[in-house]
Amino acid sequence: MNILLFGPPGVGKGTQGVRLAKTYGLRHLAMGDVLRSAVRDGTPIGKKAKTFMDAGELVPDEVVVGLIEECIAGDRGKDFLLDGFPRNVAQAESLDSMLDRLQLKLDRIVFMDAPEEELLKRLTGRLICRACGFGFHRHYSPPQKSGICDHCGGELYQREDDREEVIADRLRVYQQQTRPLLAYYARQPGFAEIDASGAMDEVFERLKQVVSG
């Protein structure tokens, strides 16, 4: 079973994607991880992506699609879960063409959504340990001692891209570029929409219902 999760920033695609992939034995393909891995391993497409990153430019759609194809085609026997890709309709069209070439398909396409105020609360509350990288949340999983990591005693900090003004801009970009995917995928077989607000376990049960159905 091949699954695509999409939705706004902070809706829980990454967290729930990891859980779903583990539950169903899928390869979890998160765009950020795929990009970092290709650059680190020095693959041909990774080197191409790095030239844009080093120049401070966005990685073009065709390179992003090439990174995903490299992963899927390189492990044809493993079903996958896509998280954070595609980000726009052009990427979605390229993904469809690529899957056709590989004689593969998306079995489930799940749109996760939540009210904007909840997304802001989730995103602006994240805290990361400078020493070990472990993540906490001010509201949902706070550290035992304010500002201190429970695991290693390191200092907790908020990433620059988790500040409220940055988050507001990310949500604006999502509405312009990624939200149109809803209309694109809503008419395709295997599409489902779920309410991703509330507790993580509740959202996971909703996901399992639409994936298993």
N, C-alpha and C. Protein backbone atom coordinates (compact mmCIF):
# COMPACT_ATOMS: atom_id res chain seq x y z
N MET A 1 0.83 -1.20 0.00
CA MET A 1 0.00 0.00 0.00
C MET A 1 0.87 1.25 0.00
N ASN A 2 0.66 2.13 -0.97
CA ASN A 2 1.39 3.39 -1.06
C ASN A 2 0.47 4.53 -0.63
N ILE A 3 0.96 5.37 0.28
CA ILE A 3 0.13 6.40 0.90
C ILE A 3 0.76 7.78 0.70
N LEU A 4 -0.09 8.77 0.49
CA LEU A 4 0.32 10.17 0.46
C LEU A 4 -0.44 10.93 1.55
N LEU A 5 0.31 11.62 2.43
CA LEU A 5 -0.28 12.51 3.42
C LEU A 5 0.02 13.95 3.02
N PHE A 6 -0.99 14.82 3.04
CA PHE A 6 -0.71 16.23 2.80
C PHE A 6 -1.65 17.09 3.64
N GLY A 7 -1.26 18.34 3.83
CA GLY A 7 -2.01 19.25 4.66
C GLY A 7 -1.12 20.41 5.07
N PRO A 8 -1.65 21.34 5.85
CA PRO A 8 -0.89 22.54 6.22
C PRO A 8 0.24 22.26 7.18
N PRO A 9 1.18 23.19 7.33
CA PRO A 9 2.24 23.05 8.33
C PRO A 9 1.63 22.91 9.73
N GLY A 10 2.20 22.00 10.52
CA GLY A 10 1.74 21.83 11.89
C GLY A 10 0.57 20.88 12.05
N VAL A 11 0.09 20.30 10.95
CA VAL A 11 -1.09 19.45 11.05
C VAL A 11 -0.74 18.05 11.57
N GLY A 12 0.56 17.71 11.59
CA GLY A 12 0.97 16.42 12.14
C GLY A 12 1.36 15.37 11.12
N LYS A 13 1.64 15.79 9.88
CA LYS A 13 2.00 14.82 8.84
C LYS A 13 3.22 14.01 9.22
N GLY A 14 4.25 14.68 9.75
CA GLY A 14 5.49 13.99 10.09
C GLY A 14 5.31 13.00 11.21
N THR A 15 4.70 13.45 12.31
CA THR A 15 4.48 12.58 13.46
C THR A 15 3.61 11.39 13.10
N GLN A 16 2.49 11.66 12.46
CA GLN A 16 1.57 10.57 12.11
C GLN A 16 2.13 9.70 10.98
N GLY A 17 2.91 10.32 10.09
CA GLY A 17 3.51 9.55 9.01
C GLY A 17 4.47 8.49 9.53
N VAL A 18 5.26 8.85 10.52
CA VAL A 18 6.19 7.89 11.13
C VAL A 18 5.41 6.73 11.75
N ARG A 19 4.33 7.05 12.47
CA ARG A 19 3.53 6.00 13.12
C ARG A 19 2.85 5.10 12.10
N LEU A 20 2.28 5.70 11.05
CA LEU A 20 1.62 4.90 10.01
C LEU A 20 2.61 3.99 9.30
N ALA A 21 3.77 4.55 8.95
CA ALA A 21 4.78 3.76 8.24
C ALA A 21 5.21 2.56 9.08
N LYS A 22 5.38 2.76 10.36
CA LYS A 22 5.77 1.66 11.25
C LYS A 22 4.66 0.63 11.37
N THR A 23 3.42 1.09 11.47
CA THR A 23 2.28 0.19 11.62
C THR A 23 2.08 -0.69 10.40
N TYR A 24 2.25 -0.09 9.21
CA TYR A 24 1.95 -0.83 7.97
C TYR A 24 3.20 -1.31 7.24
N GLY A 25 4.37 -1.12 7.84
CA GLY A 25 5.61 -1.61 7.23
C GLY A 25 5.98 -0.87 5.97
N LEU A 26 5.80 0.46 5.97
CA LEU A 26 6.08 1.27 4.78
C LEU A 26 7.40 2.02 4.93
N ARG A 27 7.96 2.41 3.81
CA ARG A 27 9.12 3.28 3.83
C ARG A 27 8.64 4.72 3.94
N HIS A 28 9.04 5.43 4.99
CA HIS A 28 8.59 6.80 5.23
C HIS A 28 9.50 7.76 4.46
N LEU A 29 8.94 8.40 3.45
CA LEU A 29 9.70 9.33 2.62
C LEU A 29 9.27 10.76 2.94
N ALA A 30 9.96 11.38 3.90
CA ALA A 30 9.73 12.78 4.24
C ALA A 30 10.67 13.62 3.39
N MET A 31 10.14 14.64 2.72
CA MET A 31 10.93 15.39 1.74
C MET A 31 12.21 15.94 2.33
N GLY A 32 12.15 16.50 3.53
CA GLY A 32 13.35 17.06 4.14
C GLY A 32 14.41 16.01 4.37
N ASP A 33 14.00 14.84 4.87
CA ASP A 33 14.94 13.75 5.12
C ASP A 33 15.54 13.23 3.82
N VAL A 34 14.70 13.10 2.79
CA VAL A 34 15.17 12.62 1.49
C VAL A 34 16.22 13.56 0.93
N LEU A 35 15.98 14.85 1.02
CA LEU A 35 16.91 15.85 0.50
C LEU A 35 18.24 15.81 1.25
N ARG A 36 18.16 15.80 2.58
CA ARG A 36 19.40 15.77 3.38
C ARG A 36 20.19 14.50 3.14
N SER A 37 19.50 13.37 3.00
CA SER A 37 20.18 12.10 2.77
C SER A 37 20.90 12.09 1.41
N ALA A 38 20.23 12.59 0.38
CA ALA A 38 20.84 12.61 -0.96
C ALA A 38 22.07 13.51 -0.99
N VAL A 39 21.99 14.65 -0.32
CA VAL A 39 23.13 15.57 -0.26
C VAL A 39 24.28 14.93 0.52
N ARG A 40 23.95 14.32 1.65
CA ARG A 40 24.98 13.70 2.49
C ARG A 40 25.66 12.54 1.76
N ASP A 41 24.88 11.75 1.02
CA ASP A 41 25.44 10.59 0.33
C ASP A 41 26.11 10.95 -0.98
N GLY A 42 25.91 12.18 -1.44
CA GLY A 42 26.56 12.62 -2.66
C GLY A 42 26.05 11.95 -3.92
N THR A 43 24.74 11.60 -3.94
CA THR A 43 24.18 11.02 -5.16
C THR A 43 24.17 12.09 -6.26
N PRO A 44 24.10 11.68 -7.52
CA PRO A 44 24.10 12.67 -8.61
C PRO A 44 23.00 13.73 -8.44
N ILE A 45 21.79 13.30 -8.12
CA ILE A 45 20.71 14.26 -7.95
C ILE A 45 20.90 15.06 -6.66
N GLY A 46 21.53 14.43 -5.65
CA GLY A 46 21.84 15.15 -4.41
C GLY A 46 22.85 16.26 -4.64
N LYS A 47 23.85 15.99 -5.47
CA LYS A 47 24.84 17.02 -5.80
C LYS A 47 24.20 18.18 -6.54
N LYS A 48 23.26 17.85 -7.43
CA LYS A 48 22.57 18.89 -8.18
C LYS A 48 21.75 19.76 -7.23
N ALA A 49 21.05 19.11 -6.28
CA ALA A 49 20.25 19.86 -5.31
C ALA A 49 21.14 20.76 -4.45
N LYS A 50 22.32 20.26 -4.11
CA LYS A 50 23.23 21.00 -3.24
C LYS A 50 23.69 22.31 -3.88
N THR A 51 23.84 22.31 -5.19
CA THR A 51 24.29 23.54 -5.85
C THR A 51 23.27 24.67 -5.66
N PHE A 52 21.99 24.31 -5.68
CA PHE A 52 20.95 25.32 -5.45
C PHE A 52 20.92 25.73 -3.99
N MET A 53 21.05 24.77 -3.10
CA MET A 53 21.02 25.06 -1.66
C MET A 53 22.20 25.94 -1.27
N ASP A 54 23.38 25.64 -1.80
CA ASP A 54 24.57 26.43 -1.47
C ASP A 54 24.45 27.87 -1.97
N ALA A 55 23.67 28.03 -3.03
CA ALA A 55 23.48 29.37 -3.59
C ALA A 55 22.32 30.11 -2.92
N GLY A 56 21.70 29.43 -1.94
CA GLY A 56 20.58 30.04 -1.23
C GLY A 56 19.30 30.09 -2.05
N GLU A 57 19.20 29.20 -3.04
CA GLU A 57 18.04 29.18 -3.92
C GLU A 57 17.14 27.99 -3.60
N LEU A 58 15.86 28.09 -3.98
CA LEU A 58 14.96 26.97 -3.83
C LEU A 58 15.35 25.86 -4.80
N VAL A 59 15.25 24.61 -4.34
CA VAL A 59 15.53 23.48 -5.22
C VAL A 59 14.37 23.37 -6.22
N PRO A 60 14.64 23.39 -7.54
CA PRO A 60 13.57 23.36 -8.54
C PRO A 60 12.72 22.10 -8.46
N ASP A 61 11.50 22.21 -8.95
CA ASP A 61 10.56 21.09 -8.89
C ASP A 61 11.12 19.83 -9.54
N GLU A 62 11.79 19.98 -10.70
CA GLU A 62 12.26 18.78 -11.40
C GLU A 62 13.33 18.05 -10.60
N VAL A 63 14.12 18.79 -9.82
CA VAL A 63 15.14 18.15 -8.98
C VAL A 63 14.48 17.47 -7.79
N VAL A 64 13.49 18.12 -7.21
CA VAL A 64 12.76 17.54 -6.09
C VAL A 64 12.09 16.23 -6.52
N VAL A 65 11.44 16.25 -7.66
CA VAL A 65 10.78 15.04 -8.17
C VAL A 65 11.82 13.96 -8.44
N GLY A 66 12.98 14.36 -8.96
CA GLY A 66 14.05 13.39 -9.21
C GLY A 66 14.54 12.73 -7.94
N LEU A 67 14.60 13.48 -6.85
CA LEU A 67 15.00 12.91 -5.56
C LEU A 67 14.02 11.84 -5.10
N ILE A 68 12.73 12.13 -5.24
CA ILE A 68 11.71 11.16 -4.84
C ILE A 68 11.76 9.93 -5.73
N GLU A 69 11.93 10.15 -7.04
CA GLU A 69 12.00 9.01 -7.96
C GLU A 69 13.20 8.13 -7.65
N GLU A 70 14.32 8.75 -7.28
CA GLU A 70 15.52 8.00 -6.92
C GLU A 70 15.23 7.05 -5.76
N CYS A 71 14.47 7.54 -4.78
CA CYS A 71 14.13 6.71 -3.61
C CYS A 71 13.16 5.59 -3.97
N ILE A 72 12.10 5.94 -4.70
CA ILE A 72 11.07 4.95 -5.01
C ILE A 72 11.60 3.89 -5.97
N ALA A 73 12.26 4.34 -7.04
CA ALA A 73 12.77 3.39 -8.04
C ALA A 73 13.89 2.53 -7.48
N GLY A 74 14.64 3.07 -6.52
CA GLY A 74 15.75 2.32 -5.95
C GLY A 74 15.32 1.24 -4.98
N ASP A 75 14.04 1.27 -4.59
CA ASP A 75 13.54 0.27 -3.65
C ASP A 75 12.14 -0.14 -4.06
N ARG A 76 12.03 -0.69 -5.27
CA ARG A 76 10.72 -0.97 -5.87
C ARG A 76 9.91 -1.99 -5.06
N GLY A 77 10.56 -2.83 -4.29
CA GLY A 77 9.84 -3.86 -3.55
C GLY A 77 9.22 -3.36 -2.26
N LYS A 78 9.44 -2.10 -1.92
CA LYS A 78 8.98 -1.57 -0.63
C LYS A 78 7.89 -0.52 -0.85
N ASP A 79 6.72 -0.75 -0.25
CA ASP A 79 5.67 0.26 -0.31
C ASP A 79 6.11 1.49 0.48
N PHE A 80 5.54 2.65 0.14
CA PHE A 80 6.05 3.90 0.71
C PHE A 80 4.92 4.80 1.21
N LEU A 81 5.31 5.73 2.05
CA LEU A 81 4.43 6.80 2.51
C LEU A 81 5.11 8.12 2.22
N LEU A 82 4.46 8.99 1.45
CA LEU A 82 5.01 10.30 1.11
C LEU A 82 4.51 11.34 2.10
N ASP A 83 5.44 12.15 2.62
CA ASP A 83 5.13 13.16 3.63
C ASP A 83 5.88 14.43 3.26
N GLY A 84 5.13 15.51 2.97
CA GLY A 84 5.78 16.77 2.60
C GLY A 84 6.06 16.90 1.11
N PHE A 85 5.57 15.98 0.34
CA PHE A 85 5.70 16.01 -1.12
C PHE A 85 4.48 15.30 -1.70
N PRO A 86 3.87 15.87 -2.75
CA PRO A 86 4.22 17.10 -3.45
C PRO A 86 3.78 18.35 -2.69
N ARG A 87 4.40 19.49 -3.05
CA ARG A 87 4.06 20.77 -2.41
C ARG A 87 3.22 21.67 -3.31
N ASN A 88 3.06 21.30 -4.55
CA ASN A 88 2.24 22.10 -5.46
C ASN A 88 1.69 21.20 -6.56
N VAL A 89 0.78 21.73 -7.36
CA VAL A 89 0.11 20.92 -8.38
C VAL A 89 1.09 20.45 -9.44
N ALA A 90 2.07 21.27 -9.80
CA ALA A 90 3.06 20.85 -10.81
C ALA A 90 3.82 19.62 -10.32
N GLN A 91 4.22 19.60 -9.06
CA GLN A 91 4.90 18.43 -8.50
C GLN A 91 3.97 17.22 -8.48
N ALA A 92 2.69 17.44 -8.19
CA ALA A 92 1.72 16.34 -8.17
C ALA A 92 1.56 15.72 -9.56
N GLU A 93 1.52 16.56 -10.58
CA GLU A 93 1.40 16.06 -11.95
C GLU A 93 2.65 15.26 -12.32
N SER A 94 3.83 15.75 -11.91
CA SER A 94 5.08 15.03 -12.19
C SER A 94 5.12 13.71 -11.44
N LEU A 95 4.61 13.71 -10.21
CA LEU A 95 4.55 12.47 -9.44
C LEU A 95 3.67 11.44 -10.12
N ASP A 96 2.51 11.86 -10.60
CA ASP A 96 1.62 10.93 -11.30
C ASP A 96 2.31 10.33 -12.53
N SER A 97 3.00 11.17 -13.30
CA SER A 97 3.71 10.68 -14.49
C SER A 97 4.81 9.70 -14.11
N MET A 98 5.53 10.02 -13.04
CA MET A 98 6.61 9.15 -12.60
C MET A 98 6.08 7.80 -12.12
N LEU A 99 5.01 7.81 -11.36
CA LEU A 99 4.43 6.55 -10.88
C LEU A 99 3.91 5.72 -12.05
N ASP A 100 3.35 6.37 -13.07
CA ASP A 100 2.90 5.64 -14.26
C ASP A 100 4.08 4.94 -14.93
N ARG A 101 5.21 5.64 -15.05
CA ARG A 101 6.40 5.04 -15.66
C ARG A 101 6.88 3.82 -14.88
N LEU A 102 6.78 3.92 -13.56
CA LEU A 102 7.24 2.83 -12.70
C LEU A 102 6.18 1.76 -12.48
N GLN A 103 5.01 1.97 -13.10
CA GLN A 103 3.87 1.06 -12.95
C GLN A 103 3.48 0.90 -11.48
N LEU A 104 3.40 2.04 -10.81
CA LEU A 104 2.98 2.11 -9.41
C LEU A 104 1.81 3.08 -9.30
N LYS A 105 1.17 3.09 -8.11
CA LYS A 105 0.07 4.02 -7.89
C LYS A 105 -0.04 4.36 -6.41
N LEU A 106 -0.76 5.45 -6.14
CA LEU A 106 -1.09 5.81 -4.76
C LEU A 106 -2.39 5.11 -4.39
N ASP A 107 -2.35 4.33 -3.33
CA ASP A 107 -3.55 3.60 -2.90
C ASP A 107 -4.42 4.44 -1.97
N ARG A 108 -3.79 5.29 -1.17
CA ARG A 108 -4.52 6.17 -0.26
C ARG A 108 -3.92 7.57 -0.32
N ILE A 109 -4.77 8.57 -0.46
CA ILE A 109 -4.36 9.97 -0.48
C ILE A 109 -5.15 10.66 0.62
N VAL A 110 -4.48 11.08 1.68
CA VAL A 110 -5.19 11.59 2.85
C VAL A 110 -4.84 13.06 3.10
N PHE A 111 -5.87 13.89 3.08
CA PHE A 111 -5.72 15.31 3.41
C PHE A 111 -6.02 15.50 4.88
N MET A 112 -5.03 16.00 5.62
CA MET A 112 -5.18 16.28 7.05
C MET A 112 -5.37 17.77 7.25
N ASP A 113 -6.40 18.14 8.02
CA ASP A 113 -6.64 19.56 8.23
C ASP A 113 -6.99 19.85 9.68
N ALA A 114 -6.76 21.09 10.11
CA ALA A 114 -7.06 21.53 11.46
C ALA A 114 -7.23 23.04 11.44
N PRO A 115 -7.97 23.62 12.40
CA PRO A 115 -8.14 25.08 12.43
C PRO A 115 -6.80 25.80 12.54
N GLU A 116 -6.71 26.98 11.93
CA GLU A 116 -5.44 27.72 11.89
C GLU A 116 -4.94 28.06 13.29
N GLU A 117 -5.85 28.37 14.23
CA GLU A 117 -5.41 28.70 15.59
C GLU A 117 -4.72 27.52 16.26
N GLU A 118 -5.18 26.31 15.96
CA GLU A 118 -4.53 25.12 16.52
C GLU A 118 -3.17 24.90 15.86
N LEU A 119 -3.08 25.13 14.56
CA LEU A 119 -1.81 24.98 13.86
C LEU A 119 -0.77 25.94 14.44
N LEU A 120 -1.18 27.18 14.68
CA LEU A 120 -0.27 28.18 15.26
C LEU A 120 0.19 27.75 16.65
N LYS A 121 -0.73 27.24 17.44
CA LYS A 121 -0.39 26.81 18.80
C LYS A 121 0.63 25.67 18.76
N ARG A 122 0.42 24.72 17.85
CA ARG A 122 1.33 23.59 17.73
C ARG A 122 2.72 24.05 17.29
N LEU A 123 2.76 24.88 16.25
CA LEU A 123 4.03 25.25 15.65
C LEU A 123 4.85 26.20 16.51
N THR A 124 4.20 27.15 17.16
CA THR A 124 4.94 28.13 17.94
C THR A 124 5.34 27.60 19.31
N GLY A 125 4.84 26.42 19.68
CA GLY A 125 5.17 25.86 21.00
C GLY A 125 6.32 24.87 20.98
N ARG A 126 6.89 24.60 19.83
CA ARG A 126 7.95 23.59 19.74
C ARG A 126 9.26 24.08 20.35
N LEU A 127 9.92 23.18 21.07
CA LEU A 127 11.23 23.46 21.69
C LEU A 127 12.17 22.32 21.35
N ILE A 128 13.44 22.67 21.07
CA ILE A 128 14.44 21.68 20.68
C ILE A 128 15.64 21.78 21.61
N CYS A 129 16.22 20.63 21.96
CA CYS A 129 17.42 20.62 22.79
C CYS A 129 18.65 20.91 21.93
N ARG A 130 19.46 21.88 22.35
CA ARG A 130 20.66 22.22 21.59
C ARG A 130 21.68 21.09 21.62
N ALA A 131 21.68 20.29 22.67
CA ALA A 131 22.69 19.25 22.83
C ALA A 131 22.34 17.95 22.10
N CYS A 132 21.12 17.43 22.35
CA CYS A 132 20.78 16.11 21.79
C CYS A 132 19.73 16.16 20.70
N GLY A 133 19.10 17.32 20.51
CA GLY A 133 18.13 17.47 19.44
C GLY A 133 16.73 16.96 19.76
N PHE A 134 16.50 16.49 20.99
CA PHE A 134 15.19 15.97 21.35
C PHE A 134 14.16 17.09 21.36
N GLY A 135 12.94 16.79 20.95
CA GLY A 135 11.91 17.81 20.86
C GLY A 135 10.90 17.77 21.99
N PHE A 136 10.47 18.95 22.42
CA PHE A 136 9.42 19.10 23.43
C PHE A 136 8.38 20.08 22.89
N HIS A 137 7.31 20.27 23.66
CA HIS A 137 6.30 21.25 23.28
C HIS A 137 5.78 21.94 24.54
N ARG A 138 5.69 23.25 24.47
CA ARG A 138 5.27 24.03 25.64
C ARG A 138 3.92 23.57 26.19
N HIS A 139 3.00 23.20 25.29
CA HIS A 139 1.63 22.88 25.70
C HIS A 139 1.37 21.38 25.81
N TYR A 140 1.91 20.59 24.88
CA TYR A 140 1.53 19.18 24.79
C TYR A 140 2.53 18.22 25.45
N SER A 141 3.80 18.55 25.43
CA SER A 141 4.82 17.68 26.06
C SER A 141 5.94 18.54 26.64
N PRO A 142 5.63 19.34 27.67
CA PRO A 142 6.63 20.26 28.23
C PRO A 142 7.71 19.50 29.00
N PRO A 143 8.91 20.07 29.10
CA PRO A 143 9.97 19.46 29.91
C PRO A 143 9.61 19.56 31.39
N GLN A 144 10.22 18.69 32.18
CA GLN A 144 9.95 18.72 33.62
C GLN A 144 10.44 20.02 34.25
N LYS A 145 11.55 20.54 33.73
CA LYS A 145 12.10 21.79 34.22
C LYS A 145 12.18 22.76 33.05
N SER A 146 11.60 23.95 33.21
CA SER A 146 11.53 24.91 32.12
C SER A 146 12.90 25.21 31.51
N GLY A 147 12.98 25.06 30.18
CA GLY A 147 14.20 25.40 29.46
C GLY A 147 15.29 24.36 29.50
N ILE A 148 15.03 23.21 30.17
CA ILE A 148 16.07 22.18 30.33
C ILE A 148 15.56 20.84 29.78
N CYS A 149 16.40 20.19 29.00
CA CYS A 149 16.06 18.88 28.41
C CYS A 149 15.98 17.80 29.48
N ASP A 150 14.91 17.03 29.47
CA ASP A 150 14.75 15.92 30.42
C ASP A 150 15.79 14.83 30.19
N HIS A 151 16.27 14.71 28.97
CA HIS A 151 17.11 13.57 28.60
C HIS A 151 18.59 13.80 28.86
N CYS A 152 19.07 15.02 28.58
CA CYS A 152 20.51 15.24 28.72
C CYS A 152 20.87 16.49 29.51
N GLY A 153 19.87 17.26 29.90
CA GLY A 153 20.14 18.48 30.66
C GLY A 153 20.56 19.66 29.80
N GLY A 154 20.46 19.50 28.48
CA GLY A 154 20.85 20.58 27.57
C GLY A 154 19.83 21.72 27.56
N GLU A 155 20.23 22.82 26.94
CA GLU A 155 19.37 23.99 26.85
C GLU A 155 18.34 23.80 25.74
N LEU A 156 17.08 24.18 26.03
CA LEU A 156 16.02 24.12 25.03
C LEU A 156 15.88 25.48 24.35
N TYR A 157 15.61 25.46 23.05
CA TYR A 157 15.45 26.72 22.32
C TYR A 157 14.34 26.58 21.29
N GLN A 158 13.86 27.71 20.82
CA GLN A 158 12.87 27.74 19.75
C GLN A 158 13.56 28.05 18.43
N ARG A 159 13.32 27.23 17.42
CA ARG A 159 13.92 27.48 16.12
C ARG A 159 13.39 28.78 15.52
N GLU A 160 14.23 29.43 14.73
CA GLU A 160 13.84 30.69 14.11
C GLU A 160 12.57 30.53 13.26
N ASP A 161 12.46 29.37 12.57
CA ASP A 161 11.30 29.19 11.70
C ASP A 161 10.05 28.77 12.46
N ASP A 162 10.12 28.71 13.80
CA ASP A 162 8.94 28.43 14.61
C ASP A 162 8.40 29.69 15.30
N ARG A 163 8.98 30.86 15.00
CA ARG A 163 8.45 32.11 15.54
C ARG A 163 7.13 32.44 14.84
N GLU A 164 6.25 33.13 15.57
CA GLU A 164 4.88 33.34 15.09
C GLU A 164 4.83 34.04 13.74
N GLU A 165 5.67 35.06 13.53
CA GLU A 165 5.61 35.79 12.25
C GLU A 165 6.08 34.91 11.09
N VAL A 166 7.04 34.01 11.36
CA VAL A 166 7.51 33.09 10.32
C VAL A 166 6.43 32.05 10.02
N ILE A 167 5.79 31.55 11.08
CA ILE A 167 4.72 30.57 10.90
C ILE A 167 3.58 31.16 10.08
N ALA A 168 3.21 32.40 10.39
CA ALA A 168 2.14 33.05 9.64
C ALA A 168 2.47 33.12 8.15
N ASP A 169 3.74 33.38 7.83
CA ASP A 169 4.16 33.44 6.43
C ASP A 169 4.12 32.05 5.80
N ARG A 170 4.52 31.01 6.55
CA ARG A 170 4.46 29.64 6.03
C ARG A 170 3.03 29.23 5.72
N LEU A 171 2.09 29.63 6.58
CA LEU A 171 0.69 29.31 6.33
C LEU A 171 0.16 30.05 5.11
N ARG A 172 0.63 31.29 4.90
CA ARG A 172 0.23 32.05 3.72
C ARG A 172 0.73 31.37 2.45
N VAL A 173 1.99 30.92 2.47
CA VAL A 173 2.56 30.22 1.32
C VAL A 173 1.81 28.92 1.06
N TYR A 174 1.45 28.23 2.14
CA TYR A 174 0.68 26.99 2.01
C TYR A 174 -0.64 27.25 1.28
N GLN A 175 -1.35 28.30 1.68
CA GLN A 175 -2.63 28.61 1.05
C GLN A 175 -2.47 28.88 -0.44
N GLN A 176 -1.38 29.53 -0.81
CA GLN A 176 -1.16 29.90 -2.21
C GLN A 176 -0.68 28.72 -3.05
N GLN A 177 0.23 27.90 -2.50
CA GLN A 177 0.91 26.89 -3.30
C GLN A 177 0.43 25.46 -3.08
N THR A 178 0.17 25.10 -1.82
CA THR A 178 -0.11 23.70 -1.51
C THR A 178 -1.59 23.40 -1.37
N ARG A 179 -2.35 24.33 -0.86
CA ARG A 179 -3.79 24.11 -0.68
C ARG A 179 -4.49 23.68 -1.97
N PRO A 180 -4.09 24.21 -3.15
CA PRO A 180 -4.73 23.77 -4.40
C PRO A 180 -4.62 22.27 -4.66
N LEU A 181 -3.72 21.57 -3.97
CA LEU A 181 -3.63 20.11 -4.12
C LEU A 181 -4.93 19.44 -3.70
N LEU A 182 -5.69 20.07 -2.81
CA LEU A 182 -6.95 19.48 -2.35
C LEU A 182 -7.89 19.27 -3.53
N ALA A 183 -8.04 20.28 -4.37
CA ALA A 183 -8.91 20.15 -5.54
C ALA A 183 -8.34 19.12 -6.53
N TYR A 184 -7.01 19.08 -6.63
CA TYR A 184 -6.36 18.15 -7.57
C TYR A 184 -6.60 16.70 -7.16
N TYR A 185 -6.44 16.40 -5.87
CA TYR A 185 -6.52 15.01 -5.42
C TYR A 185 -7.93 14.57 -5.03
N ALA A 186 -8.83 15.52 -4.74
CA ALA A 186 -10.16 15.15 -4.25
C ALA A 186 -10.93 14.26 -5.23
N ARG A 187 -10.60 14.35 -6.50
CA ARG A 187 -11.33 13.57 -7.50
C ARG A 187 -10.63 12.24 -7.83
N GLN A 188 -9.53 11.95 -7.16
CA GLN A 188 -8.79 10.73 -7.47
C GLN A 188 -9.20 9.57 -6.56
N PRO A 189 -9.09 8.33 -7.04
CA PRO A 189 -9.43 7.16 -6.21
C PRO A 189 -8.55 7.10 -4.96
N GLY A 190 -9.15 6.67 -3.86
CA GLY A 190 -8.38 6.51 -2.63
C GLY A 190 -8.26 7.76 -1.79
N PHE A 191 -8.91 8.88 -2.24
CA PHE A 191 -8.82 10.12 -1.49
C PHE A 191 -9.71 10.10 -0.25
N ALA A 192 -9.20 10.68 0.85
CA ALA A 192 -9.98 10.86 2.07
C ALA A 192 -9.50 12.11 2.78
N GLU A 193 -10.39 12.72 3.54
CA GLU A 193 -10.06 13.91 4.33
C GLU A 193 -10.37 13.63 5.78
N ILE A 194 -9.45 13.98 6.68
CA ILE A 194 -9.70 13.77 8.10
C ILE A 194 -9.48 15.05 8.91
N ASP A 195 -10.16 15.10 10.04
CA ASP A 195 -9.95 16.17 11.01
C ASP A 195 -8.72 15.81 11.83
N ALA A 196 -7.66 16.62 11.71
CA ALA A 196 -6.41 16.32 12.40
C ALA A 196 -6.25 17.14 13.68
N SER A 197 -7.35 17.73 14.16
CA SER A 197 -7.27 18.45 15.43
C SER A 197 -7.49 17.48 16.58
N GLY A 198 -7.07 17.89 17.78
CA GLY A 198 -7.24 17.03 18.95
C GLY A 198 -5.98 16.24 19.28
N ALA A 199 -6.14 15.25 20.15
CA ALA A 199 -5.01 14.45 20.65
C ALA A 199 -4.40 13.61 19.54
N MET A 200 -3.08 13.37 19.63
CA MET A 200 -2.37 12.62 18.59
C MET A 200 -2.94 11.22 18.41
N ASP A 201 -3.26 10.54 19.52
CA ASP A 201 -3.78 9.17 19.42
C ASP A 201 -5.14 9.15 18.72
N GLU A 202 -5.97 10.16 18.98
CA GLU A 202 -7.27 10.23 18.33
C GLU A 202 -7.11 10.42 16.82
N VAL A 203 -6.18 11.30 16.44
CA VAL A 203 -5.93 11.55 15.02
C VAL A 203 -5.40 10.28 14.35
N PHE A 204 -4.54 9.57 15.05
CA PHE A 204 -3.96 8.34 14.49
C PHE A 204 -5.05 7.30 14.24
N GLU A 205 -6.02 7.20 15.14
CA GLU A 205 -7.12 6.25 14.95
C GLU A 205 -7.95 6.64 13.72
N ARG A 206 -8.17 7.94 13.52
CA ARG A 206 -8.89 8.38 12.33
C ARG A 206 -8.12 8.02 11.06
N LEU A 207 -6.80 8.21 11.12
CA LEU A 207 -5.97 7.87 9.96
C LEU A 207 -6.05 6.38 9.65
N LYS A 208 -5.94 5.56 10.67
CA LYS A 208 -5.98 4.11 10.46
C LYS A 208 -7.31 3.68 9.85
N GLN A 209 -8.37 4.33 10.26
CA GLN A 209 -9.69 3.98 9.72
C GLN A 209 -9.77 4.23 8.22
N VAL A 210 -9.28 5.42 7.77
CA VAL A 210 -9.37 5.72 6.34
C VAL A 210 -8.35 4.92 5.53
N VAL A 211 -7.19 4.63 6.13
CA VAL A 211 -6.17 3.86 5.43
C VAL A 211 -6.62 2.40 5.29
N SER A 212 -7.17 1.84 6.34
CA SER A 212 -7.59 0.44 6.31
C SER A 212 -8.90 0.25 5.55
N GLY A 213 -9.68 1.33 5.47
CA GLY A 213 -10.97 1.21 4.77
C GLY A 213 -10.78 1.14 3.28
